[in-house]
Amino acid sequence: MSPSSNLLYGGNVGANGIRQHYLRYRGDAASQAGHDPVIIVPGITSPAVTWGFVAEHFGETFDTYVLDVRGRGLSSASDTLDYSLDVQAADLSAFAEALGLERYSVVGHSMGGRIAVRAASRHAGAMARLVMVDPPVSGPGRRPYPSKLPWYVDSMALARDGMDAEAMRAFCPSWTDEQLKLRAEWLHTCDERAVRESFDGFHTDDIHVDLSRVQLPVLLVTASRGDVVMDADVAEIETLLPAVRHARVPDAGHMIPWDNEAGFYAALGDFLGAPVPLATSSAPVAR
């Protein structure tokens, strides 16, 4: 960890019947700002540590928590654990409650966006704002999620055996060396069954029903180069959620902050209560 890092500590909390691991980031300015804390919920194969480079910048302004979704990173994982979207959404709400967060915002990327939408529709509680970052809009009777399951399964198998950044480059050719090193280090912590069930859930869970029930401010952030959320999908979401705000990030694929970190922060604007400081580097901070 860099001496100038905003990482306070990593911790574990018992919530919704499992151990939930998280990383907490907060700079001196954030500790005095009075803004709502932010919980970042990563995607299907992204342990919390891989979002550290984003949390570093969030931490300048917000008390920031990055969650290891069950079956990823250092949170609970087992062959018998329930990995459904319903229970992941309950995890998020239970996590915030266990930490005593009286009011908070959620930034969910990809699978994390779907988790946050379901939580907002069923367990909103103290959730004050929701940012959905390129959430898969697949579901029953809809086009499939564009990424294929073997991409995840094959890379996880290599990571379990031990792989370096160069081997990871075959799966993420546009990433920097630092981004590849971090993913190669942590991908093995993603439980294959958890990933398979979440991937299947992309096609069996209907988050559009959830969207129509959300009653808090929502920002949709999408990728200009991506094929996960297309213009027609944005139009449908705007119909279901008329007050939603939308921003497309230029020069970015699905892994938006990896491709255009400054553009990601610009898209957030002051939606979370204050702007996120613009980044000077897109390289993740390893620890």
C-alpha atoms as a PDB file:
ATOM      1  CA  MET A   1       0.000   0.000   0.000  1.00  0.00           C
ATOM      2  CA  SER A   2       1.275   3.449  -0.900  1.00  0.00           C
ATOM      3  CA  PRO A   3       1.920   5.798   2.069  1.00  0.00           C
ATOM      4  CA  SER A   4      -0.464   8.266   0.419  1.00  0.00           C
ATOM      5  CA  SER A   5      -3.236   5.706  -0.041  1.00  0.00           C
ATOM      6  CA  ASN A   6      -6.745   6.414   1.251  1.00  0.00           C
ATOM      7  CA  LEU A   7      -7.156   2.754   2.202  1.00  0.00           C
ATOM      8  CA  LEU A   8      -8.013   2.657   5.919  1.00  0.00           C
ATOM      9  CA  TYR A   9      -8.265  -1.109   6.363  1.00  0.00           C
ATOM     10  CA  GLY A  10      -9.795  -4.346   5.155  1.00  0.00           C
ATOM     11  CA  GLY A  11     -12.435  -5.916   7.342  1.00  0.00           C
ATOM     12  CA  ASN A  12     -14.981  -8.668   7.721  1.00  0.00           C
ATOM     13  CA  VAL A  13     -18.514  -8.508   9.047  1.00  0.00           C
ATOM     14  CA  GLY A  14     -21.078 -11.219   9.692  1.00  0.00           C
ATOM     15  CA  ALA A  15     -24.196 -10.272   7.717  1.00  0.00           C
ATOM     16  CA  ASN A  16     -27.028 -12.288   6.156  1.00  0.00           C
ATOM     17  CA  GLY A  17     -25.520 -15.463   7.571  1.00  0.00           C
ATOM     18  CA  ILE A  18     -22.099 -15.227   5.896  1.00  0.00           C
ATOM     19  CA  ARG A  19     -18.737 -13.500   6.291  1.00  0.00           C
ATOM     20  CA  GLN A  20     -18.644 -10.428   4.081  1.00  0.00           C
ATOM     21  CA  HIS A  21     -15.213  -8.968   3.408  1.00  0.00           C
ATOM     22  CA  TYR A  22     -14.721  -5.345   2.403  1.00  0.00           C
ATOM     23  CA  LEU A  23     -12.106  -2.650   1.921  1.00  0.00           C
ATOM     24  CA  ARG A  24     -12.667   0.808   3.381  1.00  0.00           C
ATOM     25  CA  TYR A  25     -11.190   3.954   1.839  1.00  0.00           C
ATOM     26  CA  ARG A  26     -11.364   7.480   3.211  1.00  0.00           C
ATOM     27  CA  GLY A  27      -9.077  10.485   3.004  1.00  0.00           C
ATOM     28  CA  ASP A  28      -8.890  13.356   5.480  1.00  0.00           C
ATOM     29  CA  ALA A  29     -11.233  15.488   3.382  1.00  0.00           C
ATOM     30  CA  ALA A  30     -13.858  12.748   3.232  1.00  0.00           C
ATOM     31  CA  SER A  31     -13.839  12.303   7.014  1.00  0.00           C
ATOM     32  CA  GLN A  32     -15.032  15.891   7.400  1.00  0.00           C
ATOM     33  CA  ALA A  33     -17.251  16.281   4.329  1.00  0.00           C
ATOM     34  CA  GLY A  34     -20.555  14.996   5.693  1.00  0.00           C
ATOM     35  CA  HIS A  35     -21.490  13.259   2.422  1.00  0.00           C
ATOM     36  CA  ASP A  36     -23.300   9.925   2.379  1.00  0.00           C
ATOM     37  CA  PRO A  37     -20.925   6.957   2.390  1.00  0.00           C
ATOM     38  CA  VAL A  38     -20.641   4.928  -0.824  1.00  0.00           C
ATOM     39  CA  ILE A  39     -20.689   1.147  -1.237  1.00  0.00           C
ATOM     40  CA  ILE A  40     -19.094  -0.166  -4.446  1.00  0.00           C
ATOM     41  CA  VAL A  41     -20.426  -3.549  -5.594  1.00  0.00           C
ATOM     42  CA  PRO A  42     -18.136  -5.074  -8.268  1.00  0.00           C
ATOM     43  CA  GLY A  43     -18.941  -7.378 -11.169  1.00  0.00           C
ATOM     44  CA  ILE A  44     -19.004 -11.110 -11.679  1.00  0.00           C
ATOM     45  CA  THR A  45     -15.245 -11.829 -11.416  1.00  0.00           C
ATOM     46  CA  SER A  46     -13.975  -8.662  -9.768  1.00  0.00           C
ATOM     47  CA  PRO A  47     -12.867  -9.021  -6.145  1.00  0.00           C
ATOM     48  CA  ALA A  48     -12.957  -5.811  -4.119  1.00  0.00           C
ATOM     49  CA  VAL A  49      -9.221  -5.178  -4.407  1.00  0.00           C
ATOM     50  CA  THR A  50      -9.477  -4.809  -8.183  1.00  0.00           C
ATOM     51  CA  TRP A  51     -11.667  -1.722  -7.643  1.00  0.00           C
ATOM     52  CA  GLY A  52      -9.103  -0.169  -5.304  1.00  0.00           C
ATOM     53  CA  PHE A  53      -7.910   2.324  -7.907  1.00  0.00           C
ATOM     54  CA  VAL A  54     -11.460   3.715  -8.157  1.00  0.00           C
ATOM     55  CA  ALA A  55     -12.010   3.647  -4.403  1.00  0.00           C
ATOM     56  CA  GLU A  56      -8.807   5.643  -3.911  1.00  0.00           C
ATOM     57  CA  HIS A  57     -10.416   8.554  -5.741  1.00  0.00           C
ATOM     58  CA  PHE A  58     -13.845   8.072  -4.189  1.00  0.00           C
ATOM     59  CA  GLY A  59     -12.142   8.103  -0.794  1.00  0.00           C
ATOM     60  CA  GLU A  60     -11.006  11.684  -1.303  1.00  0.00           C
ATOM     61  CA  THR A  61     -14.628  12.788  -0.973  1.00  0.00           C
ATOM     62  CA  PHE A  62     -16.665   9.883   0.383  1.00  0.00           C
ATOM     63  CA  ASP A  63     -16.331   7.270   3.085  1.00  0.00           C
ATOM     64  CA  THR A  64     -16.074   4.350   0.644  1.00  0.00           C
ATOM     65  CA  TYR A  65     -16.610   0.624   1.105  1.00  0.00           C
ATOM     66  CA  VAL A  66     -15.784  -1.924  -1.622  1.00  0.00           C
ATOM     67  CA  LEU A  67     -17.567  -5.223  -1.131  1.00  0.00           C
ATOM     68  CA  ASP A  68     -16.377  -8.719  -1.944  1.00  0.00           C
ATOM     69  CA  VAL A  69     -19.601 -10.277  -3.239  1.00  0.00           C
ATOM     70  CA  ARG A  70     -20.134 -13.766  -1.807  1.00  0.00           C
ATOM     71  CA  GLY A  71     -18.004 -16.307  -3.631  1.00  0.00           C
ATOM     72  CA  ARG A  72     -15.402 -13.688  -4.567  1.00  0.00           C
ATOM     73  CA  GLY A  73     -12.294 -12.356  -2.881  1.00  0.00           C
ATOM     74  CA  LEU A  74     -12.230 -13.034   0.860  1.00  0.00           C
ATOM     75  CA  SER A  75     -15.985 -13.314   1.478  1.00  0.00           C
ATOM     76  CA  SER A  76     -17.619 -16.660   2.235  1.00  0.00           C
ATOM     77  CA  ALA A  77     -17.645 -19.290  -0.500  1.00  0.00           C
ATOM     78  CA  SER A  78     -18.632 -22.953  -0.505  1.00  0.00           C
ATOM     79  CA  ASP A  79     -20.203 -25.673  -2.637  1.00  0.00           C
ATOM     80  CA  THR A  80     -23.453 -25.328  -0.706  1.00  0.00           C
ATOM     81  CA  LEU A  81     -23.781 -21.532  -0.534  1.00  0.00           C
ATOM     82  CA  ASP A  82     -26.735 -19.838  -2.238  1.00  0.00           C
ATOM     83  CA  TYR A  83     -25.432 -17.579  -5.016  1.00  0.00           C
ATOM     84  CA  SER A  84     -28.764 -16.310  -6.327  1.00  0.00           C
ATOM     85  CA  LEU A  85     -29.442 -12.663  -7.141  1.00  0.00           C
ATOM     86  CA  ASP A  86     -32.049 -12.531  -4.389  1.00  0.00           C
ATOM     87  CA  VAL A  87     -29.588 -13.517  -1.681  1.00  0.00           C
ATOM     88  CA  GLN A  88     -26.839 -11.281  -3.073  1.00  0.00           C
ATOM     89  CA  ALA A  89     -29.243  -8.332  -2.867  1.00  0.00           C
ATOM     90  CA  ALA A  90     -30.082  -9.268   0.713  1.00  0.00           C
ATOM     91  CA  ASP A  91     -26.330  -9.446   1.416  1.00  0.00           C
ATOM     92  CA  LEU A  92     -25.888  -5.840   0.332  1.00  0.00           C
ATOM     93  CA  SER A  93     -28.636  -4.518   2.578  1.00  0.00           C
ATOM     94  CA  ALA A  94     -27.488  -6.659   5.499  1.00  0.00           C
ATOM     95  CA  PHE A  95     -23.909  -5.452   5.004  1.00  0.00           C
ATOM     96  CA  ALA A  96     -24.944  -1.794   5.245  1.00  0.00           C
ATOM     97  CA  GLU A  97     -27.092  -2.521   8.285  1.00  0.00           C
ATOM     98  CA  ALA A  98     -24.307  -4.450  10.031  1.00  0.00           C
ATOM     99  CA  LEU A  99     -21.974  -1.482   9.577  1.00  0.00           C
ATOM    100  CA  GLY A 100     -24.606   0.878  10.970  1.00  0.00           C
ATOM    101  CA  LEU A 101     -24.859   2.978   7.814  1.00  0.00           C
ATOM    102  CA  GLU A 102     -27.918   5.151   8.355  1.00  0.00           C
ATOM    103  CA  ARG A 103     -27.876   6.499   4.785  1.00  0.00           C
ATOM    104  CA  TYR A 104     -25.663   5.474   1.864  1.00  0.00           C
ATOM    105  CA  SER A 105     -25.249   5.415  -1.913  1.00  0.00           C
ATOM    106  CA  VAL A 106     -24.444   2.350  -4.013  1.00  0.00           C
ATOM    107  CA  VAL A 107     -22.305   2.153  -7.160  1.00  0.00           C
ATOM    108  CA  GLY A 108     -22.778  -1.244  -8.782  1.00  0.00           C
ATOM    109  CA  HIS A 109     -20.860  -2.370 -11.857  1.00  0.00           C
ATOM    110  CA  SER A 110     -22.228  -5.031 -14.211  1.00  0.00           C
ATOM    111  CA  MET A 111     -23.458  -7.867 -11.945  1.00  0.00           C
ATOM    112  CA  GLY A 112     -23.096  -5.430  -9.052  1.00  0.00           C
ATOM    113  CA  GLY A 113     -25.557  -3.121 -10.785  1.00  0.00           C
ATOM    114  CA  ARG A 114     -28.122  -5.915 -10.974  1.00  0.00           C
ATOM    115  CA  ILE A 115     -27.546  -6.741  -7.306  1.00  0.00           C
ATOM    116  CA  ALA A 116     -28.042  -3.091  -6.361  1.00  0.00           C
ATOM    117  CA  VAL A 117     -31.224  -2.754  -8.446  1.00  0.00           C
ATOM    118  CA  ARG A 118     -32.802  -5.751  -6.782  1.00  0.00           C
ATOM    119  CA  ALA A 119     -31.736  -4.495  -3.358  1.00  0.00           C
ATOM    120  CA  ALA A 120     -33.195  -1.051  -4.109  1.00  0.00           C
ATOM    121  CA  SER A 121     -36.498  -2.562  -5.200  1.00  0.00           C
ATOM    122  CA  ARG A 122     -36.871  -5.006  -2.295  1.00  0.00           C
ATOM    123  CA  HIS A 123     -34.655  -3.879   0.587  1.00  0.00           C
ATOM    124  CA  ALA A 124     -34.055  -0.177  -0.074  1.00  0.00           C
ATOM    125  CA  GLY A 125     -33.908   0.736   3.598  1.00  0.00           C
ATOM    126  CA  ALA A 126     -31.290   3.456   4.010  1.00  0.00           C
ATOM    127  CA  MET A 127     -30.101   3.382   0.385  1.00  0.00           C
ATOM    128  CA  ALA A 128     -30.284   6.973  -0.831  1.00  0.00           C
ATOM    129  CA  ARG A 129     -28.890   6.830  -4.392  1.00  0.00           C
ATOM    130  CA  LEU A 130     -28.053   4.170  -6.945  1.00  0.00           C
ATOM    131  CA  VAL A 131     -25.511   4.229  -9.771  1.00  0.00           C
ATOM    132  CA  MET A 132     -25.862   1.364 -12.257  1.00  0.00           C
ATOM    133  CA  VAL A 133     -22.665   0.995 -14.276  1.00  0.00           C
ATOM    134  CA  ASP A 134     -23.288  -0.926 -17.520  1.00  0.00           C
ATOM    135  CA  PRO A 135     -25.617  -3.507 -15.927  1.00  0.00           C
ATOM    136  CA  PRO A 136     -26.454  -6.587 -18.041  1.00  0.00           C
ATOM    137  CA  VAL A 137     -29.981  -6.142 -19.395  1.00  0.00           C
ATOM    138  CA  SER A 138     -30.374  -9.753 -20.441  1.00  0.00           C
ATOM    139  CA  GLY A 139     -33.172 -11.791 -18.936  1.00  0.00           C
ATOM    140  CA  PRO A 140     -36.095 -14.072 -19.780  1.00  0.00           C
ATOM    141  CA  GLY A 141     -37.025 -13.651 -23.446  1.00  0.00           C
ATOM    142  CA  ARG A 142     -34.237 -11.104 -24.045  1.00  0.00           C
ATOM    143  CA  ARG A 143     -31.002 -11.237 -26.005  1.00  0.00           C
ATOM    144  CA  PRO A 144     -28.229 -13.093 -24.168  1.00  0.00           C
ATOM    145  CA  TYR A 145     -25.415 -11.393 -22.323  1.00  0.00           C
ATOM    146  CA  PRO A 146     -22.701 -10.747 -24.946  1.00  0.00           C
ATOM    147  CA  SER A 147     -19.799 -12.315 -23.031  1.00  0.00           C
ATOM    148  CA  LYS A 148     -19.638 -16.113 -23.012  1.00  0.00           C
ATOM    149  CA  LEU A 149     -19.268 -18.316 -19.944  1.00  0.00           C
ATOM    150  CA  PRO A 150     -16.058 -20.083 -21.128  1.00  0.00           C
ATOM    151  CA  TRP A 151     -14.219 -16.724 -21.074  1.00  0.00           C
ATOM    152  CA  TYR A 152     -14.733 -16.657 -17.302  1.00  0.00           C
ATOM    153  CA  VAL A 153     -14.351 -20.373 -16.613  1.00  0.00           C
ATOM    154  CA  ASP A 154     -11.162 -20.794 -18.651  1.00  0.00           C
ATOM    155  CA  SER A 155      -9.411 -17.782 -17.133  1.00  0.00           C
ATOM    156  CA  MET A 156     -10.386 -18.826 -13.596  1.00  0.00           C
ATOM    157  CA  ALA A 157      -9.005 -22.324 -14.196  1.00  0.00           C
ATOM    158  CA  LEU A 158      -5.665 -20.878 -15.285  1.00  0.00           C
ATOM    159  CA  ALA A 159      -5.654 -18.513 -12.313  1.00  0.00           C
ATOM    160  CA  ARG A 160      -6.225 -21.403  -9.889  1.00  0.00           C
ATOM    161  CA  ASP A 161      -3.145 -23.122 -11.295  1.00  0.00           C
ATOM    162  CA  GLY A 162      -1.162 -19.886 -11.194  1.00  0.00           C
ATOM    163  CA  MET A 163      -0.880 -17.427 -14.046  1.00  0.00           C
ATOM    164  CA  ASP A 164       1.024 -14.219 -14.662  1.00  0.00           C
ATOM    165  CA  ALA A 165       0.024 -10.943 -16.258  1.00  0.00           C
ATOM    166  CA  GLU A 166       1.190 -12.038 -19.697  1.00  0.00           C
ATOM    167  CA  ALA A 167      -1.060 -15.092 -19.603  1.00  0.00           C
ATOM    168  CA  MET A 168      -3.954 -12.883 -18.505  1.00  0.00           C
ATOM    169  CA  ARG A 169      -3.360 -10.604 -21.495  1.00  0.00           C
ATOM    170  CA  ALA A 170      -5.003 -13.201 -23.760  1.00  0.00           C
ATOM    171  CA  PHE A 171      -8.275 -12.546 -21.918  1.00  0.00           C
ATOM    172  CA  CYS A 172      -7.925  -8.778 -21.373  1.00  0.00           C
ATOM    173  CA  PRO A 173      -5.722  -7.542 -24.249  1.00  0.00           C
ATOM    174  CA  SER A 174      -6.419  -3.826 -23.750  1.00  0.00           C
ATOM    175  CA  TRP A 175      -5.520  -3.705 -20.042  1.00  0.00           C
ATOM    176  CA  THR A 176      -2.340  -2.220 -18.617  1.00  0.00           C
ATOM    177  CA  ASP A 177       0.380  -4.373 -17.074  1.00  0.00           C
ATOM    178  CA  GLU A 178      -0.662  -3.301 -13.575  1.00  0.00           C
ATOM    179  CA  GLN A 179      -4.312  -4.136 -14.224  1.00  0.00           C
ATOM    180  CA  LEU A 180      -3.344  -7.542 -15.588  1.00  0.00           C
ATOM    181  CA  LYS A 181      -1.078  -8.300 -12.625  1.00  0.00           C
ATOM    182  CA  LEU A 182      -3.817  -7.530 -10.138  1.00  0.00           C
ATOM    183  CA  ARG A 183      -6.399  -9.647 -11.951  1.00  0.00           C
ATOM    184  CA  ALA A 184      -3.934 -12.537 -12.282  1.00  0.00           C
ATOM    185  CA  GLU A 185      -3.256 -12.334  -8.546  1.00  0.00           C
ATOM    186  CA  TRP A 186      -6.886 -12.319  -7.412  1.00  0.00           C
ATOM    187  CA  LEU A 187      -9.000 -14.121 -10.027  1.00  0.00           C
ATOM    188  CA  HIS A 188      -8.401 -17.493  -8.353  1.00  0.00           C
ATOM    189  CA  THR A 189     -10.506 -16.301  -5.397  1.00  0.00           C
ATOM    190  CA  CYS A 190     -13.643 -16.330  -7.538  1.00  0.00           C
ATOM    191  CA  ASP A 191     -15.619 -19.510  -6.883  1.00  0.00           C
ATOM    192  CA  GLU A 192     -16.529 -21.197 -10.171  1.00  0.00           C
ATOM    193  CA  ARG A 193     -19.981 -22.216  -8.985  1.00  0.00           C
ATOM    194  CA  ALA A 194     -20.703 -18.661  -7.858  1.00  0.00           C
ATOM    195  CA  VAL A 195     -19.716 -17.324 -11.273  1.00  0.00           C
ATOM    196  CA  ARG A 196     -21.706 -19.952 -13.147  1.00  0.00           C
ATOM    197  CA  GLU A 197     -24.849 -19.257 -11.113  1.00  0.00           C
ATOM    198  CA  SER A 198     -24.495 -15.504 -11.503  1.00  0.00           C
ATOM    199  CA  PHE A 199     -23.954 -15.894 -15.254  1.00  0.00           C
ATOM    200  CA  ASP A 200     -27.030 -18.121 -15.526  1.00  0.00           C
ATOM    201  CA  GLY A 201     -28.914 -15.515 -13.508  1.00  0.00           C
ATOM    202  CA  PHE A 202     -28.118 -12.900 -16.140  1.00  0.00           C
ATOM    203  CA  HIS A 203     -30.544 -14.847 -18.341  1.00  0.00           C
ATOM    204  CA  THR A 204     -33.154 -15.988 -15.804  1.00  0.00           C
ATOM    205  CA  ASP A 205     -33.552 -12.969 -13.498  1.00  0.00           C
ATOM    206  CA  ASP A 206     -35.731 -10.092 -14.704  1.00  0.00           C
ATOM    207  CA  ILE A 207     -34.281  -6.836 -13.375  1.00  0.00           C
ATOM    208  CA  HIS A 208     -36.678  -4.786 -15.502  1.00  0.00           C
ATOM    209  CA  VAL A 209     -39.432  -5.637 -13.057  1.00  0.00           C
ATOM    210  CA  ASP A 210     -37.147  -4.407 -10.271  1.00  0.00           C
ATOM    211  CA  LEU A 211     -36.439  -1.155 -12.112  1.00  0.00           C
ATOM    212  CA  SER A 212     -40.118  -0.287 -12.250  1.00  0.00           C
ATOM    213  CA  ARG A 213     -40.249  -0.525  -8.447  1.00  0.00           C
ATOM    214  CA  VAL A 214     -37.211   1.583  -7.578  1.00  0.00           C
ATOM    215  CA  GLN A 215     -38.157   4.817  -5.815  1.00  0.00           C
ATOM    216  CA  LEU A 216     -34.834   6.569  -5.293  1.00  0.00           C
ATOM    217  CA  PRO A 217     -32.568   8.649  -7.549  1.00  0.00           C
ATOM    218  CA  VAL A 218     -30.800   6.508 -10.159  1.00  0.00           C
ATOM    219  CA  LEU A 219     -27.912   7.260 -12.517  1.00  0.00           C
ATOM    220  CA  LEU A 220     -27.241   4.886 -15.415  1.00  0.00           C
ATOM    221  CA  VAL A 221     -23.643   4.960 -16.698  1.00  0.00           C
ATOM    222  CA  THR A 222     -22.985   3.085 -19.928  1.00  0.00           C
ATOM    223  CA  ALA A 223     -20.057   2.349 -22.234  1.00  0.00           C
ATOM    224  CA  SER A 224     -19.842   3.963 -25.661  1.00  0.00           C
ATOM    225  CA  ARG A 225     -18.008   0.955 -27.135  1.00  0.00           C
ATOM    226  CA  GLY A 226     -19.914  -1.691 -25.246  1.00  0.00           C
ATOM    227  CA  ASP A 227     -22.660  -4.027 -26.389  1.00  0.00           C
ATOM    228  CA  VAL A 228     -24.077  -4.669 -22.918  1.00  0.00           C
ATOM    229  CA  VAL A 229     -26.423  -1.662 -22.750  1.00  0.00           C
ATOM    230  CA  MET A 230     -27.480  -0.345 -26.150  1.00  0.00           C
ATOM    231  CA  ASP A 231     -29.546   2.702 -27.095  1.00  0.00           C
ATOM    232  CA  ALA A 232     -32.795   0.715 -27.192  1.00  0.00           C
ATOM    233  CA  ASP A 233     -32.039  -0.634 -23.716  1.00  0.00           C
ATOM    234  CA  VAL A 234     -31.493   2.873 -22.381  1.00  0.00           C
ATOM    235  CA  ALA A 235     -34.833   3.942 -23.870  1.00  0.00           C
ATOM    236  CA  GLU A 236     -36.615   1.035 -22.167  1.00  0.00           C
ATOM    237  CA  ILE A 237     -34.989   1.815 -18.817  1.00  0.00           C
ATOM    238  CA  GLU A 238     -36.045   5.450 -19.186  1.00  0.00           C
ATOM    239  CA  THR A 239     -39.615   4.264 -19.732  1.00  0.00           C
ATOM    240  CA  LEU A 240     -39.535   2.067 -16.629  1.00  0.00           C
ATOM    241  CA  LEU A 241     -37.715   4.691 -14.563  1.00  0.00           C
ATOM    242  CA  PRO A 242     -38.672   8.113 -15.976  1.00  0.00           C
ATOM    243  CA  ALA A 243     -36.478  10.085 -13.550  1.00  0.00           C
ATOM    244  CA  VAL A 244     -33.299   8.126 -14.345  1.00  0.00           C
ATOM    245  CA  ARG A 245     -30.254  10.112 -15.417  1.00  0.00           C
ATOM    246  CA  HIS A 246     -28.014   8.641 -18.115  1.00  0.00           C
ATOM    247  CA  ALA A 247     -24.417   9.248 -19.145  1.00  0.00           C
ATOM    248  CA  ARG A 248     -22.399   7.430 -21.815  1.00  0.00           C
ATOM    249  CA  VAL A 249     -18.656   7.304 -21.243  1.00  0.00           C
ATOM    250  CA  PRO A 250     -16.653   7.859 -24.433  1.00  0.00           C
ATOM    251  CA  ASP A 251     -13.758   5.591 -25.424  1.00  0.00           C
ATOM    252  CA  ALA A 252     -14.826   2.873 -22.994  1.00  0.00           C
ATOM    253  CA  GLY A 253     -15.912  -0.737 -23.175  1.00  0.00           C
ATOM    254  CA  HIS A 254     -17.812  -2.636 -20.491  1.00  0.00           C
ATOM    255  CA  MET A 255     -14.998  -2.264 -17.928  1.00  0.00           C
ATOM    256  CA  ILE A 256     -15.534   1.476 -18.025  1.00  0.00           C
ATOM    257  CA  PRO A 257     -13.068   2.845 -15.434  1.00  0.00           C
ATOM    258  CA  TRP A 258     -10.348   0.519 -16.744  1.00  0.00           C
ATOM    259  CA  ASP A 259     -10.729   2.063 -20.209  1.00  0.00           C
ATOM    260  CA  ASN A 260     -11.507   5.696 -19.353  1.00  0.00           C
ATOM    261  CA  GLU A 261     -11.176   6.377 -15.656  1.00  0.00           C
ATOM    262  CA  ALA A 262     -11.444  10.167 -15.917  1.00  0.00           C
ATOM    263  CA  GLY A 263     -14.490   9.786 -18.170  1.00  0.00           C
ATOM    264  CA  PHE A 264     -16.114   7.529 -15.583  1.00  0.00           C
ATOM    265  CA  TYR A 265     -15.724  10.129 -12.840  1.00  0.00           C
ATOM    266  CA  ALA A 266     -16.964  12.866 -15.163  1.00  0.00           C
ATOM    267  CA  ALA A 267     -20.069  10.796 -15.919  1.00  0.00           C
ATOM    268  CA  LEU A 268     -20.840  10.555 -12.203  1.00  0.00           C
ATOM    269  CA  GLY A 269     -20.767  14.339 -11.910  1.00  0.00           C
ATOM    270  CA  ASP A 270     -22.158  15.386  -8.537  1.00  0.00           C
ATOM    271  CA  PHE A 271     -24.804  12.658  -8.449  1.00  0.00           C
ATOM    272  CA  LEU A 272     -23.348  11.159  -5.247  1.00  0.00           C
ATOM    273  CA  GLY A 273     -23.548  14.533  -3.516  1.00  0.00           C
ATOM    274  CA  ALA A 274     -20.217  15.914  -4.713  1.00  0.00           C
ATOM    275  CA  PRO A 275     -17.941  15.334  -7.714  1.00  0.00           C
ATOM    276  CA  VAL A 276     -15.312  12.601  -7.547  1.00  0.00           C
ATOM    277  CA  PRO A 277     -11.821  14.112  -8.048  1.00  0.00           C
ATOM    278  CA  LEU A 278     -10.551  13.500 -11.558  1.00  0.00           C
ATOM    279  CA  ALA A 279      -7.855  10.870 -11.912  1.00  0.00           C
ATOM    280  CA  THR A 280      -4.340  11.568 -13.108  1.00  0.00           C
ATOM    281  CA  SER A 281      -3.540   7.892 -13.743  1.00  0.00           C
ATOM    282  CA  SER A 282      -5.613   4.877 -14.771  1.00  0.00           C
ATOM    283  CA  ALA A 283      -3.335   2.283 -13.171  1.00  0.00           C
ATOM    284  CA  PRO A 284      -4.801   0.393 -10.209  1.00  0.00           C
ATOM    285  CA  VAL A 285      -3.097   0.596  -6.850  1.00  0.00           C
ATOM    286  CA  ALA A 286      -1.752  -2.799  -5.816  1.00  0.00           C
ATOM    287  CA  ARG A 287      -1.423  -3.693  -2.161  1.00  0.00           C
END
